[in-house]
Amino acid sequence: MNESDQLANKLGELLLGDVLERNGFTPSSKRPLTPEQKQQIRTVLENLQVETERFLQHSQRTIRRESKPNH
């Protein structure tokens, strides 16, 4: 697992933990996820990663265009 993946995992854990805590979920109230639920979460996260990468690529292209001098 590379550094980017580790950072994404830590961020995901932090955000998920915050959401669960705000909604009254505690470690004692957890129950295992079904394989279908796990796959749904993976799919959502993969889609989010793709969209984030597209956004970052678009942002980088925009920054490059704006930094080029006009002749």
PDB file of N, CA and C in Angstrom:
ATOM      1  N   MET A   1       0.856  -1.169   0.000  1.00  0.00           N
ATOM      2  CA  MET A   1       0.000   0.000   0.000  1.00  0.00           C
ATOM      3  C   MET A   1       0.905   1.236   0.000  1.00  0.00           C
ATOM      4  N   ASN A   2       0.651   2.145  -0.948  1.00  0.00           N
ATOM      5  CA  ASN A   2       1.506   3.325  -1.024  1.00  0.00           C
ATOM      6  C   ASN A   2       1.032   4.416  -0.062  1.00  0.00           C
ATOM      7  N   GLU A   3       1.801   5.462   0.024  1.00  0.00           N
ATOM      8  CA  GLU A   3       1.518   6.540   0.983  1.00  0.00           C
ATOM      9  C   GLU A   3       0.162   7.193   0.714  1.00  0.00           C
ATOM     10  N   SER A   4      -0.183   7.357  -0.546  1.00  0.00           N
ATOM     11  CA  SER A   4      -1.467   7.958  -0.907  1.00  0.00           C
ATOM     12  C   SER A   4      -2.634   7.090  -0.421  1.00  0.00           C
ATOM     13  N   ASP A   5      -2.506   5.785  -0.594  1.00  0.00           N
ATOM     14  CA  ASP A   5      -3.550   4.865  -0.135  1.00  0.00           C
ATOM     15  C   ASP A   5      -3.680   4.896   1.381  1.00  0.00           C
ATOM     16  N   GLN A   6      -2.544   4.960   2.063  1.00  0.00           N
ATOM     17  CA  GLN A   6      -2.571   5.009   3.521  1.00  0.00           C
ATOM     18  C   GLN A   6      -3.256   6.284   4.009  1.00  0.00           C
ATOM     19  N   LEU A   7      -2.948   7.393   3.370  1.00  0.00           N
ATOM     20  CA  LEU A   7      -3.574   8.657   3.737  1.00  0.00           C
ATOM     21  C   LEU A   7      -5.077   8.608   3.488  1.00  0.00           C
ATOM     22  N   ALA A   8      -5.474   8.039   2.353  1.00  0.00           N
ATOM     23  CA  ALA A   8      -6.897   7.916   2.035  1.00  0.00           C
ATOM     24  C   ALA A   8      -7.607   7.037   3.062  1.00  0.00           C
ATOM     25  N   ASN A   9      -6.963   5.955   3.475  1.00  0.00           N
ATOM     26  CA  ASN A   9      -7.560   5.071   4.479  1.00  0.00           C
ATOM     27  C   ASN A   9      -7.732   5.786   5.810  1.00  0.00           C
ATOM     28  N   LYS A  10      -6.714   6.522   6.230  1.00  0.00           N
ATOM     29  CA  LYS A  10      -6.784   7.256   7.492  1.00  0.00           C
ATOM     30  C   LYS A  10      -7.894   8.304   7.444  1.00  0.00           C
ATOM     31  N   LEU A  11      -7.977   9.019   6.327  1.00  0.00           N
ATOM     32  CA  LEU A  11      -9.015  10.030   6.175  1.00  0.00           C
ATOM     33  C   LEU A  11     -10.397   9.388   6.211  1.00  0.00           C
ATOM     34  N   GLY A  12     -10.559   8.281   5.512  1.00  0.00           N
ATOM     35  CA  GLY A  12     -11.831   7.564   5.506  1.00  0.00           C
ATOM     36  C   GLY A  12     -12.225   7.101   6.896  1.00  0.00           C
ATOM     37  N   GLU A  13     -11.266   6.558   7.640  1.00  0.00           N
ATOM     38  CA  GLU A  13     -11.547   6.112   9.005  1.00  0.00           C
ATOM     39  C   GLU A  13     -11.959   7.280   9.892  1.00  0.00           C
ATOM     40  N   LEU A  14     -11.280   8.398   9.742  1.00  0.00           N
ATOM     41  CA  LEU A  14     -11.601   9.579  10.538  1.00  0.00           C
ATOM     42  C   LEU A  14     -13.009  10.081  10.237  1.00  0.00           C
ATOM     43  N   LEU A  15     -13.325  10.215   8.953  1.00  0.00           N
ATOM     44  CA  LEU A  15     -14.649  10.703   8.568  1.00  0.00           C
ATOM     45  C   LEU A  15     -15.750   9.735   8.981  1.00  0.00           C
ATOM     46  N   LEU A  16     -15.523   8.463   8.761  1.00  0.00           N
ATOM     47  CA  LEU A  16     -16.520   7.461   9.124  1.00  0.00           C
ATOM     48  C   LEU A  16     -16.728   7.436  10.631  1.00  0.00           C
ATOM     49  N   GLY A  17     -15.646   7.484  11.380  1.00  0.00           N
ATOM     50  CA  GLY A  17     -15.749   7.505  12.834  1.00  0.00           C
ATOM     51  C   GLY A  17     -16.541   8.708  13.331  1.00  0.00           C
ATOM     52  N   ASP A  18     -16.311   9.857  12.717  1.00  0.00           N
ATOM     53  CA  ASP A  18     -17.036  11.072  13.096  1.00  0.00           C
ATOM     54  C   ASP A  18     -18.530  10.936  12.813  1.00  0.00           C
ATOM     55  N   VAL A  19     -18.867  10.429  11.646  1.00  0.00           N
ATOM     56  CA  VAL A  19     -20.283  10.249  11.283  1.00  0.00           C
ATOM     57  C   VAL A  19     -20.959   9.267  12.237  1.00  0.00           C
ATOM     58  N   LEU A  20     -20.289   8.166  12.514  1.00  0.00           N
ATOM     59  CA  LEU A  20     -20.867   7.166  13.412  1.00  0.00           C
ATOM     60  C   LEU A  20     -21.065   7.734  14.814  1.00  0.00           C
ATOM     61  N   GLU A  21     -20.075   8.461  15.298  1.00  0.00           N
ATOM     62  CA  GLU A  21     -20.170   9.032  16.641  1.00  0.00           C
ATOM     63  C   GLU A  21     -21.314  10.045  16.732  1.00  0.00           C
ATOM     64  N   ARG A  22     -21.443  10.897  15.713  1.00  0.00           N
ATOM     65  CA  ARG A  22     -22.526  11.891  15.719  1.00  0.00           C
ATOM     66  C   ARG A  22     -23.903  11.250  15.684  1.00  0.00           C
ATOM     67  N   ASN A  23     -23.995  10.046  15.162  1.00  0.00           N
ATOM     68  CA  ASN A  23     -25.280   9.364  15.059  1.00  0.00           C
ATOM     69  C   ASN A  23     -25.488   8.317  16.146  1.00  0.00           C
ATOM     70  N   GLY A  24     -24.661   8.362  17.182  1.00  0.00           N
ATOM     71  CA  GLY A  24     -24.873   7.516  18.348  1.00  0.00           C
ATOM     72  C   GLY A  24     -24.409   6.079  18.234  1.00  0.00           C
ATOM     73  N   PHE A  25     -23.608   5.765  17.237  1.00  0.00           N
ATOM     74  CA  PHE A  25     -23.097   4.400  17.120  1.00  0.00           C
ATOM     75  C   PHE A  25     -21.855   4.263  17.976  1.00  0.00           C
ATOM     76  N   THR A  26     -21.783   3.177  18.707  1.00  0.00           N
ATOM     77  CA  THR A  26     -20.630   2.893  19.552  1.00  0.00           C
ATOM     78  C   THR A  26     -20.038   1.554  19.137  1.00  0.00           C
ATOM     79  N   PRO A  27     -18.809   1.289  19.553  1.00  0.00           N
ATOM     80  CA  PRO A  27     -18.217  -0.017  19.204  1.00  0.00           C
ATOM     81  C   PRO A  27     -19.078  -1.197  19.653  1.00  0.00           C
ATOM     82  N   SER A  28     -19.785  -1.050  20.767  1.00  0.00           N
ATOM     83  CA  SER A  28     -20.613  -2.163  21.243  1.00  0.00           C
ATOM     84  C   SER A  28     -21.868  -2.365  20.403  1.00  0.00           C
ATOM     85  N   SER A  29     -22.272  -1.348  19.616  1.00  0.00           N
ATOM     86  CA  SER A  29     -23.481  -1.483  18.803  1.00  0.00           C
ATOM     87  C   SER A  29     -23.175  -1.895  17.363  1.00  0.00           C
ATOM     88  N   LYS A  30     -21.866  -2.125  17.070  1.00  0.00           N
ATOM     89  CA  LYS A  30     -21.488  -2.519  15.711  1.00  0.00           C
ATOM     90  C   LYS A  30     -21.948  -3.931  15.409  1.00  0.00           C
ATOM     91  N   ARG A  31     -22.245  -4.166  14.136  1.00  0.00           N
ATOM     92  CA  ARG A  31     -22.522  -5.517  13.670  1.00  0.00           C
ATOM     93  C   ARG A  31     -21.770  -5.693  12.359  1.00  0.00           C
ATOM     94  N   PRO A  32     -21.419  -6.919  12.035  1.00  0.00           N
ATOM     95  CA  PRO A  32     -20.643  -7.135  10.808  1.00  0.00           C
ATOM     96  C   PRO A  32     -21.441  -6.748   9.556  1.00  0.00           C
ATOM     97  N   LEU A  33     -20.722  -6.246   8.562  1.00  0.00           N
ATOM     98  CA  LEU A  33     -21.347  -5.938   7.286  1.00  0.00           C
ATOM     99  C   LEU A  33     -21.493  -7.210   6.460  1.00  0.00           C
ATOM    100  N   THR A  34     -22.529  -7.251   5.666  1.00  0.00           N
ATOM    101  CA  THR A  34     -22.696  -8.375   4.751  1.00  0.00           C
ATOM    102  C   THR A  34     -21.713  -8.208   3.593  1.00  0.00           C
ATOM    103  N   PRO A  35     -21.412  -9.275   2.885  1.00  0.00           N
ATOM    104  CA  PRO A  35     -20.532  -9.139   1.715  1.00  0.00           C
ATOM    105  C   PRO A  35     -21.081  -8.140   0.695  1.00  0.00           C
ATOM    106  N   GLU A  36     -22.401  -8.082   0.549  1.00  0.00           N
ATOM    107  CA  GLU A  36     -23.003  -7.143  -0.396  1.00  0.00           C
ATOM    108  C   GLU A  36     -22.776  -5.702   0.046  1.00  0.00           C
ATOM    109  N   GLN A  37     -22.900  -5.443   1.342  1.00  0.00           N
ATOM    110  CA  GLN A  37     -22.669  -4.095   1.860  1.00  0.00           C
ATOM    111  C   GLN A  37     -21.204  -3.693   1.684  1.00  0.00           C
ATOM    112  N   LYS A  38     -20.312  -4.632   1.926  1.00  0.00           N
ATOM    113  CA  LYS A  38     -18.886  -4.353   1.746  1.00  0.00           C
ATOM    114  C   LYS A  38     -18.596  -4.003   0.288  1.00  0.00           C
ATOM    115  N   GLN A  39     -19.188  -4.739  -0.632  1.00  0.00           N
ATOM    116  CA  GLN A  39     -18.963  -4.482  -2.049  1.00  0.00           C
ATOM    117  C   GLN A  39     -19.544  -3.128  -2.450  1.00  0.00           C
ATOM    118  N   GLN A  40     -20.708  -2.788  -1.914  1.00  0.00           N
ATOM    119  CA  GLN A  40     -21.297  -1.483  -2.209  1.00  0.00           C
ATOM    120  C   GLN A  40     -20.387  -0.355  -1.737  1.00  0.00           C
ATOM    121  N   ILE A  41     -19.815  -0.509  -0.554  1.00  0.00           N
ATOM    122  CA  ILE A  41     -18.905   0.507  -0.025  1.00  0.00           C
ATOM    123  C   ILE A  41     -17.659   0.609  -0.903  1.00  0.00           C
ATOM    124  N   ARG A  42     -17.108  -0.534  -1.302  1.00  0.00           N
ATOM    125  CA  ARG A  42     -15.940  -0.522  -2.185  1.00  0.00           C
ATOM    126  C   ARG A  42     -16.252   0.192  -3.497  1.00  0.00           C
ATOM    127  N   THR A  43     -17.419  -0.089  -4.059  1.00  0.00           N
ATOM    128  CA  THR A  43     -17.807   0.522  -5.320  1.00  0.00           C
ATOM    129  C   THR A  43     -17.935   2.038  -5.183  1.00  0.00           C
ATOM    130  N   VAL A  44     -18.572   2.480  -4.119  1.00  0.00           N
ATOM    131  CA  VAL A  44     -18.726   3.917  -3.883  1.00  0.00           C
ATOM    132  C   VAL A  44     -17.353   4.568  -3.724  1.00  0.00           C
ATOM    133  N   LEU A  45     -16.470   3.954  -2.962  1.00  0.00           N
ATOM    134  CA  LEU A  45     -15.144   4.527  -2.751  1.00  0.00           C
ATOM    135  C   LEU A  45     -14.318   4.537  -4.031  1.00  0.00           C
ATOM    136  N   GLU A  46     -14.433   3.492  -4.839  1.00  0.00           N
ATOM    137  CA  GLU A  46     -13.721   3.469  -6.115  1.00  0.00           C
ATOM    138  C   GLU A  46     -14.226   4.574  -7.027  1.00  0.00           C
ATOM    139  N   ASN A  47     -15.540   4.767  -7.073  1.00  0.00           N
ATOM    140  CA  ASN A  47     -16.110   5.843  -7.891  1.00  0.00           C
ATOM    141  C   ASN A  47     -15.657   7.206  -7.392  1.00  0.00           C
ATOM    142  N   LEU A  48     -15.620   7.372  -6.094  1.00  0.00           N
ATOM    143  CA  LEU A  48     -15.161   8.627  -5.506  1.00  0.00           C
ATOM    144  C   LEU A  48     -13.703   8.877  -5.852  1.00  0.00           C
ATOM    145  N   GLN A  49     -12.888   7.829  -5.820  1.00  0.00           N
ATOM    146  CA  GLN A  49     -11.480   7.979  -6.171  1.00  0.00           C
ATOM    147  C   GLN A  49     -11.322   8.405  -7.629  1.00  0.00           C
ATOM    148  N   VAL A  50     -12.077   7.799  -8.528  1.00  0.00           N
ATOM    149  CA  VAL A  50     -12.013   8.154  -9.945  1.00  0.00           C
ATOM    150  C   VAL A  50     -12.420   9.617 -10.143  1.00  0.00           C
ATOM    151  N   GLU A  51     -13.500  10.018  -9.507  1.00  0.00           N
ATOM    152  CA  GLU A  51     -13.963  11.404  -9.641  1.00  0.00           C
ATOM    153  C   GLU A  51     -12.954  12.389  -9.062  1.00  0.00           C
ATOM    154  N   THR A  52     -12.322  12.027  -7.964  1.00  0.00           N
ATOM    155  CA  THR A  52     -11.308  12.889  -7.355  1.00  0.00           C
ATOM    156  C   THR A  52     -10.114  13.032  -8.278  1.00  0.00           C
ATOM    157  N   GLU A  53      -9.673  11.934  -8.869  1.00  0.00           N
ATOM    158  CA  GLU A  53      -8.547  11.988  -9.800  1.00  0.00           C
ATOM    159  C   GLU A  53      -8.883  12.837 -11.018  1.00  0.00           C
ATOM    160  N   ARG A  54     -10.090  12.722 -11.549  1.00  0.00           N
ATOM    161  CA  ARG A  54     -10.510  13.561 -12.680  1.00  0.00           C
ATOM    162  C   ARG A  54     -10.487  15.033 -12.299  1.00  0.00           C
ATOM    163  N   PHE A  55     -11.012  15.333 -11.121  1.00  0.00           N
ATOM    164  CA  PHE A  55     -11.036  16.710 -10.651  1.00  0.00           C
ATOM    165  C   PHE A  55      -9.618  17.265 -10.535  1.00  0.00           C
ATOM    166  N   LEU A  56      -8.725  16.474  -9.945  1.00  0.00           N
ATOM    167  CA  LEU A  56      -7.349  16.935  -9.776  1.00  0.00           C
ATOM    168  C   LEU A  56      -6.656  17.136 -11.119  1.00  0.00           C
ATOM    169  N   GLN A  57      -6.878  16.240 -12.059  1.00  0.00           N
ATOM    170  CA  GLN A  57      -6.288  16.383 -13.387  1.00  0.00           C
ATOM    171  C   GLN A  57      -6.822  17.631 -14.076  1.00  0.00           C
ATOM    172  N   HIS A  58      -8.111  17.868 -13.976  1.00  0.00           N
ATOM    173  CA  HIS A  58      -8.716  19.055 -14.574  1.00  0.00           C
ATOM    174  C   HIS A  58      -8.154  20.317 -13.922  1.00  0.00           C
ATOM    175  N   SER A  59      -8.003  20.292 -12.619  1.00  0.00           N
ATOM    176  CA  SER A  59      -7.459  21.446 -11.900  1.00  0.00           C
ATOM    177  C   SER A  59      -6.033  21.732 -12.339  1.00  0.00           C
ATOM    178  N   GLN A  60      -5.242  20.678 -12.514  1.00  0.00           N
ATOM    179  CA  GLN A  60      -3.859  20.868 -12.937  1.00  0.00           C
ATOM    180  C   GLN A  60      -3.795  21.443 -14.343  1.00  0.00           C
ATOM    181  N   ARG A  61      -4.656  20.990 -15.249  1.00  0.00           N
ATOM    182  CA  ARG A  61      -4.677  21.534 -16.610  1.00  0.00           C
ATOM    183  C   ARG A  61      -5.075  23.000 -16.584  1.00  0.00           C
ATOM    184  N   THR A  62      -6.051  23.336 -15.754  1.00  0.00           N
ATOM    185  CA  THR A  62      -6.514  24.714 -15.657  1.00  0.00           C
ATOM    186  C   THR A  62      -5.398  25.608 -15.120  1.00  0.00           C
ATOM    187  N   ILE A  63      -4.691  25.137 -14.130  1.00  0.00           N
ATOM    188  CA  ILE A  63      -3.597  25.918 -13.546  1.00  0.00           C
ATOM    189  C   ILE A  63      -2.499  26.127 -14.579  1.00  0.00           C
ATOM    190  N   ARG A  64      -2.176  25.092 -15.340  1.00  0.00           N
ATOM    191  CA  ARG A  64      -1.131  25.219 -16.368  1.00  0.00           C
ATOM    192  C   ARG A  64      -1.537  26.234 -17.432  1.00  0.00           C
ATOM    193  N   ARG A  65      -2.808  26.178 -17.874  1.00  0.00           N
ATOM    194  CA  ARG A  65      -3.273  27.122 -18.892  1.00  0.00           C
ATOM    195  C   ARG A  65      -3.228  28.553 -18.370  1.00  0.00           C
ATOM    196  N   GLU A  66      -3.613  28.753 -17.136  1.00  0.00           N
ATOM    197  CA  GLU A  66      -3.637  30.086 -16.569  1.00  0.00           C
ATOM    198  C   GLU A  66      -2.233  30.622 -16.328  1.00  0.00           C
ATOM    199  N   SER A  67      -1.254  29.749 -16.133  1.00  0.00           N
ATOM    200  CA  SER A  67       0.096  30.211 -15.847  1.00  0.00           C
ATOM    201  C   SER A  67       0.901  30.457 -17.115  1.00  0.00           C
ATOM    202  N   LYS A  68       0.410  30.032 -18.285  1.00  0.00           N
ATOM    203  CA  LYS A  68       1.113  30.275 -19.535  1.00  0.00           C
ATOM    204  C   LYS A  68       0.967  31.739 -19.919  1.00  0.00           C
ATOM    205  N   PRO A  69       2.066  32.359 -20.361  1.00  0.00           N
ATOM    206  CA  PRO A  69       1.963  33.756 -20.784  1.00  0.00           C
ATOM    207  C   PRO A  69       1.198  33.873 -22.096  1.00  0.00           C
ATOM    208  N   ASN A  70       0.407  34.899 -22.220  1.00  0.00           N
ATOM    209  CA  ASN A  70      -0.330  35.164 -23.467  1.00  0.00           C
ATOM    210  C   ASN A  70       0.539  35.953 -24.424  1.00  0.00           C
ATOM    211  N   HIS A  71       0.610  35.497 -25.667  1.00  0.00           N
ATOM    212  CA  HIS A  71       1.410  36.204 -26.677  1.00  0.00           C
ATOM    213  C   HIS A  71       0.522  36.934 -27.618  1.00  0.00           C
TER     214      HIS A  71
END
